[in-house]
PDB file of N, CA and C in Angstrom:
ATOM      1  N   MET A   1     -10.196  12.626  -1.011  1.00  0.00           N
ATOM      2  CA  MET A   1     -11.479  11.944  -0.936  1.00  0.00           C
ATOM      3  C   MET A   1     -11.782  11.569   0.506  1.00  0.00           C
ATOM      4  N   THR A   2     -13.005  11.712   0.861  1.00  0.00           N
ATOM      5  CA  THR A   2     -13.423  11.337   2.193  1.00  0.00           C
ATOM      6  C   THR A   2     -13.597   9.819   2.270  1.00  0.00           C
ATOM      7  N   PRO A   3     -13.475   9.259   3.451  1.00  0.00           N
ATOM      8  CA  PRO A   3     -13.656   7.815   3.582  1.00  0.00           C
ATOM      9  C   PRO A   3     -15.055   7.353   3.168  1.00  0.00           C
ATOM     10  N   ALA A   4     -16.073   8.137   3.423  1.00  0.00           N
ATOM     11  CA  ALA A   4     -17.442   7.751   3.034  1.00  0.00           C
ATOM     12  C   ALA A   4     -17.581   7.695   1.533  1.00  0.00           C
ATOM     13  N   LEU A   5     -17.026   8.685   0.821  1.00  0.00           N
ATOM     14  CA  LEU A   5     -17.084   8.683  -0.631  1.00  0.00           C
ATOM     15  C   LEU A   5     -16.302   7.511  -1.196  1.00  0.00           C
ATOM     16  N   THR A   6     -15.144   7.210  -0.620  1.00  0.00           N
ATOM     17  CA  THR A   6     -14.353   6.053  -1.056  1.00  0.00           C
ATOM     18  C   THR A   6     -15.159   4.773  -0.875  1.00  0.00           C
ATOM     19  N   PHE A   7     -15.834   4.638   0.247  1.00  0.00           N
ATOM     20  CA  PHE A   7     -16.631   3.435   0.510  1.00  0.00           C
ATOM     21  C   PHE A   7     -17.747   3.295  -0.516  1.00  0.00           C
ATOM     22  N   PHE A   8     -18.492   4.357  -0.776  1.00  0.00           N
ATOM     23  CA  PHE A   8     -19.620   4.254  -1.700  1.00  0.00           C
ATOM     24  C   PHE A   8     -19.199   4.060  -3.151  1.00  0.00           C
ATOM     25  N   VAL A   9     -18.088   4.652  -3.536  1.00  0.00           N
ATOM     26  CA  VAL A   9     -17.567   4.404  -4.890  1.00  0.00           C
ATOM     27  C   VAL A   9     -17.128   2.940  -5.007  1.00  0.00           C
ATOM     28  N   GLY A  10     -16.464   2.441  -4.015  1.00  0.00           N
ATOM     29  CA  GLY A  10     -16.057   1.024  -4.003  1.00  0.00           C
ATOM     30  C   GLY A  10     -17.251   0.087  -4.010  1.00  0.00           C
ATOM     31  N   LEU A  11     -18.295   0.444  -3.265  1.00  0.00           N
ATOM     32  CA  LEU A  11     -19.486  -0.365  -3.224  1.00  0.00           C
ATOM     33  C   LEU A  11     -20.192  -0.388  -4.593  1.00  0.00           C
ATOM     34  N   GLY A  12     -20.245   0.787  -5.229  1.00  0.00           N
ATOM     35  CA  GLY A  12     -20.832   0.868  -6.575  1.00  0.00           C
ATOM     36  C   GLY A  12     -20.048   0.046  -7.593  1.00  0.00           C
ATOM     37  N   MET A  13     -18.716   0.069  -7.471  1.00  0.00           N
ATOM     38  CA  MET A  13     -17.906  -0.737  -8.397  1.00  0.00           C
ATOM     39  C   MET A  13     -18.086  -2.214  -8.125  1.00  0.00           C
ATOM     40  N   LEU A  14     -18.306  -2.580  -6.870  1.00  0.00           N
ATOM     41  CA  LEU A  14     -18.556  -3.983  -6.541  1.00  0.00           C
ATOM     42  C   LEU A  14     -19.889  -4.463  -7.126  1.00  0.00           C
ATOM     43  N   VAL A  15     -20.898  -3.599  -7.106  1.00  0.00           N
ATOM     44  CA  VAL A  15     -22.190  -3.926  -7.726  1.00  0.00           C
ATOM     45  C   VAL A  15     -22.037  -4.104  -9.220  1.00  0.00           C
ATOM     46  N   LEU A  16     -21.300  -3.195  -9.869  1.00  0.00           N
ATOM     47  CA  LEU A  16     -21.060  -3.329 -11.301  1.00  0.00           C
ATOM     48  C   LEU A  16     -20.261  -4.597 -11.623  1.00  0.00           C
ATOM     49  N   PHE A  17     -19.335  -4.955 -10.762  1.00  0.00           N
ATOM     50  CA  PHE A  17     -18.556  -6.168 -10.977  1.00  0.00           C
ATOM     51  C   PHE A  17     -19.449  -7.399 -10.880  1.00  0.00           C
ATOM     52  N   GLY A  18     -20.368  -7.435  -9.912  1.00  0.00           N
ATOM     53  CA  GLY A  18     -21.324  -8.540  -9.824  1.00  0.00           C
ATOM     54  C   GLY A  18     -22.271  -8.588 -11.003  1.00  0.00           C
ATOM     55  N   TRP A  19     -22.701  -7.443 -11.462  1.00  0.00           N
ATOM     56  CA  TRP A  19     -23.564  -7.359 -12.630  1.00  0.00           C
ATOM     57  C   TRP A  19     -22.838  -7.857 -13.871  1.00  0.00           C
ATOM     58  N   TYR A  20     -21.536  -7.565 -13.941  1.00  0.00           N
ATOM     59  CA  TYR A  20     -20.728  -8.034 -15.068  1.00  0.00           C
ATOM     60  C   TYR A  20     -20.704  -9.570 -15.115  1.00  0.00           C
ATOM     61  N   PHE A  21     -20.490 -10.200 -13.981  1.00  0.00           N
ATOM     62  CA  PHE A  21     -20.439 -11.669 -13.970  1.00  0.00           C
ATOM     63  C   PHE A  21     -21.819 -12.295 -14.144  1.00  0.00           C
ATOM     64  N   ALA A  22     -22.890 -11.598 -13.781  1.00  0.00           N
ATOM     65  CA  ALA A  22     -24.238 -12.149 -13.938  1.00  0.00           C
ATOM     66  C   ALA A  22     -24.765 -11.971 -15.337  1.00  0.00           C
ATOM     67  N   SER A  23     -24.159 -11.121 -16.132  1.00  0.00           N
ATOM     68  CA  SER A  23     -24.657 -10.833 -17.470  1.00  0.00           C
ATOM     69  C   SER A  23     -24.194 -11.887 -18.483  1.00  0.00           C
ATOM     70  N   ASP A  24     -25.101 -12.277 -19.420  1.00  0.00           N
ATOM     71  CA  ASP A  24     -24.720 -13.260 -20.451  1.00  0.00           C
ATOM     72  C   ASP A  24     -24.554 -12.600 -21.818  1.00  0.00           C
ATOM     73  N   GLN A  25     -25.088 -11.446 -22.017  1.00  0.00           N
ATOM     74  CA  GLN A  25     -25.043 -10.798 -23.330  1.00  0.00           C
ATOM     75  C   GLN A  25     -23.686 -10.149 -23.563  1.00  0.00           C
ATOM     76  N   GLY A  26     -23.120 -10.428 -24.738  1.00  0.00           N
ATOM     77  CA  GLY A  26     -21.784  -9.946 -25.074  1.00  0.00           C
ATOM     78  C   GLY A  26     -21.659  -8.423 -25.057  1.00  0.00           C
ATOM     79  N   PRO A  27     -22.527  -7.698 -25.758  1.00  0.00           N
ATOM     80  CA  PRO A  27     -22.412  -6.221 -25.761  1.00  0.00           C
ATOM     81  C   PRO A  27     -22.545  -5.603 -24.367  1.00  0.00           C
ATOM     82  N   ARG A  28     -23.454  -6.153 -23.571  1.00  0.00           N
ATOM     83  CA  ARG A  28     -23.644  -5.624 -22.213  1.00  0.00           C
ATOM     84  C   ARG A  28     -22.399  -5.895 -21.364  1.00  0.00           C
ATOM     85  N   LYS A  29     -21.782  -7.079 -21.547  1.00  0.00           N
ATOM     86  CA  LYS A  29     -20.584  -7.417 -20.801  1.00  0.00           C
ATOM     87  C   LYS A  29     -19.435  -6.504 -21.163  1.00  0.00           C
ATOM     88  N   ARG A  30     -19.285  -6.196 -22.452  1.00  0.00           N
ATOM     89  CA  ARG A  30     -18.218  -5.310 -22.879  1.00  0.00           C
ATOM     90  C   ARG A  30     -18.432  -3.902 -22.327  1.00  0.00           C
ATOM     91  N   LEU A  31     -19.672  -3.454 -22.332  1.00  0.00           N
ATOM     92  CA  LEU A  31     -19.978  -2.116 -21.804  1.00  0.00           C
ATOM     93  C   LEU A  31     -19.700  -2.042 -20.313  1.00  0.00           C
ATOM     94  N   LEU A  32     -20.095  -3.088 -19.566  1.00  0.00           N
ATOM     95  CA  LEU A  32     -19.827  -3.121 -18.127  1.00  0.00           C
ATOM     96  C   LEU A  32     -18.342  -3.203 -17.848  1.00  0.00           C
ATOM     97  N   ALA A  33     -17.595  -4.004 -18.622  1.00  0.00           N
ATOM     98  CA  ALA A  33     -16.154  -4.112 -18.417  1.00  0.00           C
ATOM     99  C   ALA A  33     -15.468  -2.779 -18.686  1.00  0.00           C
ATOM    100  N   THR A  34     -15.861  -2.102 -19.767  1.00  0.00           N
ATOM    101  CA  THR A  34     -15.279  -0.806 -20.080  1.00  0.00           C
ATOM    102  C   THR A  34     -15.613   0.204 -18.977  1.00  0.00           C
ATOM    103  N   THR A  35     -16.831   0.219 -18.493  1.00  0.00           N
ATOM    104  CA  THR A  35     -17.226   1.128 -17.414  1.00  0.00           C
ATOM    105  C   THR A  35     -16.437   0.842 -16.142  1.00  0.00           C
ATOM    106  N   LEU A  36     -16.299  -0.423 -15.804  1.00  0.00           N
ATOM    107  CA  LEU A  36     -15.540  -0.779 -14.605  1.00  0.00           C
ATOM    108  C   LEU A  36     -14.091  -0.348 -14.710  1.00  0.00           C
ATOM    109  N   MET A  37     -13.480  -0.573 -15.863  1.00  0.00           N
ATOM    110  CA  MET A  37     -12.065  -0.206 -16.016  1.00  0.00           C
ATOM    111  C   MET A  37     -11.882   1.303 -15.964  1.00  0.00           C
ATOM    112  N   LEU A  38     -12.776   2.053 -16.593  1.00  0.00           N
ATOM    113  CA  LEU A  38     -12.675   3.512 -16.551  1.00  0.00           C
ATOM    114  C   LEU A  38     -12.867   4.035 -15.118  1.00  0.00           C
ATOM    115  N   LEU A  39     -13.832   3.485 -14.410  1.00  0.00           N
ATOM    116  CA  LEU A  39     -14.070   3.904 -13.025  1.00  0.00           C
ATOM    117  C   LEU A  39     -12.882   3.561 -12.135  1.00  0.00           C
ATOM    118  N   LEU A  40     -12.297   2.410 -12.354  1.00  0.00           N
ATOM    119  CA  LEU A  40     -11.142   1.998 -11.550  1.00  0.00           C
ATOM    120  C   LEU A  40      -9.945   2.914 -11.811  1.00  0.00           C
ATOM    121  N   VAL A  41      -9.692   3.253 -13.039  1.00  0.00           N
ATOM    122  CA  VAL A  41      -8.568   4.165 -13.364  1.00  0.00           C
ATOM    123  C   VAL A  41      -8.832   5.544 -12.800  1.00  0.00           C
ATOM    124  N   ILE A  42     -10.014   6.069 -13.010  1.00  0.00           N
ATOM    125  CA  ILE A  42     -10.349   7.403 -12.508  1.00  0.00           C
ATOM    126  C   ILE A  42     -10.295   7.458 -10.976  1.00  0.00           C
ATOM    127  N   PHE A  43     -10.826   6.424 -10.346  1.00  0.00           N
ATOM    128  CA  PHE A  43     -10.803   6.359  -8.882  1.00  0.00           C
ATOM    129  C   PHE A  43      -9.363   6.261  -8.349  1.00  0.00           C
ATOM    130  N   SER A  44      -8.527   5.493  -9.004  1.00  0.00           N
ATOM    131  CA  SER A  44      -7.121   5.360  -8.575  1.00  0.00           C
ATOM    132  C   SER A  44      -6.374   6.679  -8.710  1.00  0.00           C
ATOM    133  N   ILE A  45      -6.580   7.367  -9.810  1.00  0.00           N
ATOM    134  CA  ILE A  45      -5.917   8.655 -10.010  1.00  0.00           C
ATOM    135  C   ILE A  45      -6.438   9.700  -9.012  1.00  0.00           C
ATOM    136  N   ALA A  46      -7.743   9.707  -8.778  1.00  0.00           N
ATOM    137  CA  ALA A  46      -8.320  10.672  -7.835  1.00  0.00           C
ATOM    138  C   ALA A  46      -7.865  10.398  -6.397  1.00  0.00           C
ATOM    139  N   THR A  47      -7.557   9.169  -6.089  1.00  0.00           N
ATOM    140  CA  THR A  47      -7.146   8.826  -4.727  1.00  0.00           C
ATOM    141  C   THR A  47      -5.753   9.342  -4.424  1.00  0.00           C
ATOM    142  N   ILE A  48      -4.852   9.319  -5.391  1.00  0.00           N
ATOM    143  CA  ILE A  48      -3.466   9.731  -5.125  1.00  0.00           C
ATOM    144  C   ILE A  48      -3.146  11.124  -5.609  1.00  0.00           C
ATOM    145  N   TRP A  49      -4.111  11.839  -6.207  1.00  0.00           N
ATOM    146  CA  TRP A  49      -3.805  13.159  -6.753  1.00  0.00           C
ATOM    147  C   TRP A  49      -4.056  14.251  -5.744  1.00  0.00           C
ATOM    148  N   PRO A  50      -3.289  15.222  -5.538  1.00  0.00           N
ATOM    149  CA  PRO A  50      -1.934  15.504  -6.039  1.00  0.00           C
ATOM    150  C   PRO A  50      -0.912  14.699  -5.277  1.00  0.00           C
ATOM    151  N   PRO A  51       0.099  14.184  -5.963  1.00  0.00           N
ATOM    152  CA  PRO A  51       1.038  13.276  -5.299  1.00  0.00           C
ATOM    153  C   PRO A  51       1.888  13.933  -4.206  1.00  0.00           C
ATOM    154  N   GLN A  52       2.116  15.236  -4.260  1.00  0.00           N
ATOM    155  CA  GLN A  52       2.928  15.885  -3.240  1.00  0.00           C
ATOM    156  C   GLN A  52       2.248  15.848  -1.887  1.00  0.00           C
ATOM    157  N   LYS A  53       0.935  15.895  -1.857  1.00  0.00           N
ATOM    158  CA  LYS A  53       0.224  15.925  -0.588  1.00  0.00           C
ATOM    159  C   LYS A  53      -0.119  14.526  -0.070  1.00  0.00           C
ATOM    160  N   LYS A  54      -0.224  13.540  -0.944  1.00  0.00           N
ATOM    161  CA  LYS A  54      -0.691  12.231  -0.523  1.00  0.00           C
ATOM    162  C   LYS A  54       0.430  11.233  -0.250  1.00  0.00           C
ATOM    163  N   ILE A  55       1.563  11.366  -0.936  1.00  0.00           N
ATOM    164  CA  ILE A  55       2.640  10.402  -0.786  1.00  0.00           C
ATOM    165  C   ILE A  55       3.735  11.048   0.046  1.00  0.00           C
ATOM    166  N   SER A  56       4.033  10.449   1.202  1.00  0.00           N
ATOM    167  CA  SER A  56       5.112  10.968   2.017  1.00  0.00           C
ATOM    168  C   SER A  56       6.423  10.373   1.539  1.00  0.00           C
ATOM    169  N   LEU A  57       7.380  11.257   1.297  1.00  0.00           N
ATOM    170  CA  LEU A  57       8.671  10.826   0.771  1.00  0.00           C
ATOM    171  C   LEU A  57       9.516  10.263   1.904  1.00  0.00           C
ATOM    172  N   GLY A  58      10.222   9.214   1.609  1.00  0.00           N
ATOM    173  CA  GLY A  58      11.128   8.609   2.585  1.00  0.00           C
ATOM    174  C   GLY A  58      12.399   9.410   2.709  1.00  0.00           C
ATOM    175  N   LEU A  59      13.251   9.046   3.641  1.00  0.00           N
ATOM    176  CA  LEU A  59      14.478   9.772   3.919  1.00  0.00           C
ATOM    177  C   LEU A  59      15.413   9.731   2.712  1.00  0.00           C
ATOM    178  N   ASP A  60      15.465   8.613   2.003  1.00  0.00           N
ATOM    179  CA  ASP A  60      16.368   8.501   0.873  1.00  0.00           C
ATOM    180  C   ASP A  60      15.922   9.374  -0.307  1.00  0.00           C
ATOM    181  N   ILE A  61      14.623   9.531  -0.523  1.00  0.00           N
ATOM    182  CA  ILE A  61      14.137  10.349  -1.628  1.00  0.00           C
ATOM    183  C   ILE A  61      14.167  11.827  -1.275  1.00  0.00           C
ATOM    184  N   GLN A  62      13.988  12.181  -0.004  1.00  0.00           N
ATOM    185  CA  GLN A  62      14.031  13.564   0.410  1.00  0.00           C
ATOM    186  C   GLN A  62      15.445  14.140   0.342  1.00  0.00           C
ATOM    187  N   GLY A  63      16.448  13.283   0.349  1.00  0.00           N
ATOM    188  CA  GLY A  63      17.824  13.780   0.316  1.00  0.00           C
ATOM    189  C   GLY A  63      18.396  13.963   1.707  1.00  0.00           C
ATOM    190  N   GLY A  64      17.817  13.332   2.682  1.00  0.00           N
ATOM    191  CA  GLY A  64      18.295  13.463   4.046  1.00  0.00           C
ATOM    192  C   GLY A  64      19.481  12.558   4.313  1.00  0.00           C
ATOM    193  N   THR A  65      19.910  12.524   5.533  1.00  0.00           N
ATOM    194  CA  THR A  65      21.040  11.682   5.929  1.00  0.00           C
ATOM    195  C   THR A  65      20.591  10.712   7.003  1.00  0.00           C
ATOM    196  N   SER A  66      21.363   9.702   7.171  1.00  0.00           N
ATOM    197  CA  SER A  66      21.085   8.740   8.244  1.00  0.00           C
ATOM    198  C   SER A  66      22.412   8.318   8.861  1.00  0.00           C
ATOM    199  N   PHE A  67      22.356   7.720  10.019  1.00  0.00           N
ATOM    200  CA  PHE A  67      23.578   7.249  10.659  1.00  0.00           C
ATOM    201  C   PHE A  67      23.266   5.929  11.348  1.00  0.00           C
ATOM    202  N   LEU A  68      24.335   5.196  11.630  1.00  0.00           N
ATOM    203  CA  LEU A  68      24.227   3.862  12.220  1.00  0.00           C
ATOM    204  C   LEU A  68      24.889   3.884  13.577  1.00  0.00           C
ATOM    205  N   ILE A  69      24.221   3.383  14.545  1.00  0.00           N
ATOM    206  CA  ILE A  69      24.774   3.312  15.914  1.00  0.00           C
ATOM    207  C   ILE A  69      25.160   1.876  16.190  1.00  0.00           C
ATOM    208  N   ARG A  70      26.402   1.684  16.573  1.00  0.00           N
ATOM    209  CA  ARG A  70      26.867   0.326  16.934  1.00  0.00           C
ATOM    210  C   ARG A  70      27.088   0.292  18.444  1.00  0.00           C
ATOM    211  N   LEU A  71      26.594  -0.727  19.053  1.00  0.00           N
ATOM    212  CA  LEU A  71      26.720  -0.886  20.503  1.00  0.00           C
ATOM    213  C   LEU A  71      27.768  -1.927  20.821  1.00  0.00           C
ATOM    214  N   LYS A  72      28.656  -1.589  21.759  1.00  0.00           N
ATOM    215  CA  LYS A  72      29.661  -2.531  22.210  1.00  0.00           C
ATOM    216  C   LYS A  72      29.268  -2.979  23.612  1.00  0.00           C
ATOM    217  N   PRO A  73      29.111  -4.279  23.819  1.00  0.00           N
ATOM    218  CA  PRO A  73      28.725  -4.728  25.156  1.00  0.00           C
ATOM    219  C   PRO A  73      29.889  -4.599  26.121  1.00  0.00           C
ATOM    220  N   THR A  74      29.601  -4.204  27.335  1.00  0.00           N
ATOM    221  CA  THR A  74      30.588  -4.183  28.400  1.00  0.00           C
ATOM    222  C   THR A  74      30.190  -5.215  29.454  1.00  0.00           C
ATOM    223  N   PHE A  75      31.173  -5.929  29.943  1.00  0.00           N
ATOM    224  CA  PHE A  75      30.898  -6.976  30.909  1.00  0.00           C
ATOM    225  C   PHE A  75      31.523  -6.601  32.230  1.00  0.00           C
ATOM    226  N   ALA A  76      30.763  -6.845  33.300  1.00  0.00           N
ATOM    227  CA  ALA A  76      31.258  -6.607  34.648  1.00  0.00           C
ATOM    228  C   ALA A  76      32.184  -7.746  35.059  1.00  0.00           C
ATOM    229  N   ARG A  77      32.908  -7.549  36.106  1.00  0.00           N
ATOM    230  CA  ARG A  77      33.804  -8.606  36.580  1.00  0.00           C
ATOM    231  C   ARG A  77      32.999  -9.827  37.008  1.00  0.00           C
ATOM    232  N   GLY A  78      33.453 -10.964  36.590  1.00  0.00           N
ATOM    233  CA  GLY A  78      32.817 -12.208  36.981  1.00  0.00           C
ATOM    234  C   GLY A  78      31.752 -12.675  35.998  1.00  0.00           C
ATOM    235  N   GLU A  79      31.328 -11.854  35.058  1.00  0.00           N
ATOM    236  CA  GLU A  79      30.331 -12.292  34.063  1.00  0.00           C
ATOM    237  C   GLU A  79      31.034 -12.983  32.910  1.00  0.00           C
ATOM    238  N   THR A  80      30.374 -13.963  32.345  1.00  0.00           N
ATOM    239  CA  THR A  80      30.953 -14.659  31.195  1.00  0.00           C
ATOM    240  C   THR A  80      30.156 -14.305  29.949  1.00  0.00           C
ATOM    241  N   ARG A  81      30.790 -14.434  28.826  1.00  0.00           N
ATOM    242  CA  ARG A  81      30.139 -14.151  27.560  1.00  0.00           C
ATOM    243  C   ARG A  81      29.316 -15.354  27.123  1.00  0.00           C
ATOM    244  N   VAL A  82      28.104 -15.118  26.756  1.00  0.00           N
ATOM    245  CA  VAL A  82      27.226 -16.191  26.317  1.00  0.00           C
ATOM    246  C   VAL A  82      27.550 -16.618  24.884  1.00  0.00           C
ATOM    247  N   SER A  83      28.049 -15.698  24.083  1.00  0.00           N
ATOM    248  CA  SER A  83      28.306 -15.988  22.677  1.00  0.00           C
ATOM    249  C   SER A  83      29.461 -16.967  22.487  1.00  0.00           C
ATOM    250  N   SER A  84      30.316 -17.173  23.488  1.00  0.00           N
ATOM    251  CA  SER A  84      31.440 -18.110  23.316  1.00  0.00           C
ATOM    252  C   SER A  84      30.928 -19.523  23.117  1.00  0.00           C
ATOM    253  N   GLY A  85      29.852 -19.880  23.737  1.00  0.00           N
ATOM    254  CA  GLY A  85      29.285 -21.216  23.541  1.00  0.00           C
ATOM    255  C   GLY A  85      28.533 -21.385  22.254  1.00  0.00           C
ATOM    256  N   LEU A  86      28.102 -20.308  21.660  1.00  0.00           N
ATOM    257  CA  LEU A  86      27.345 -20.385  20.405  1.00  0.00           C
ATOM    258  C   LEU A  86      28.245 -20.471  19.183  1.00  0.00           C
ATOM    259  N   SER A  87      29.527 -20.199  19.305  1.00  0.00           N
ATOM    260  CA  SER A  87      30.392 -20.178  18.126  1.00  0.00           C
ATOM    261  C   SER A  87      30.899 -21.565  17.742  1.00  0.00           C
ATOM    262  N   ARG A  88      30.526 -22.598  18.419  1.00  0.00           N
ATOM    263  CA  ARG A  88      30.997 -23.964  18.100  1.00  0.00           C
ATOM    264  C   ARG A  88      30.425 -24.456  16.839  1.00  0.00           C
TER     265      ARG A  88
END
């Protein structure tokens, strides 16, 4: 979906939502609520369909590997460790 189409569909749903709250008649409210829910479900499915192209898989789901790098600090002559004062 293009951003413009997404905007206008969202704007139309917002208008229907306002009309739903402004309406006092029971049958009209039920019809608007049903229409809003159907539009919301259809819009949500259309936004993420097809899932292979829209959702990028993380490293854990793709089956890749990862590694951890640990750094060991080296101190020059004459330098003191700051962490010795923090361990009290």
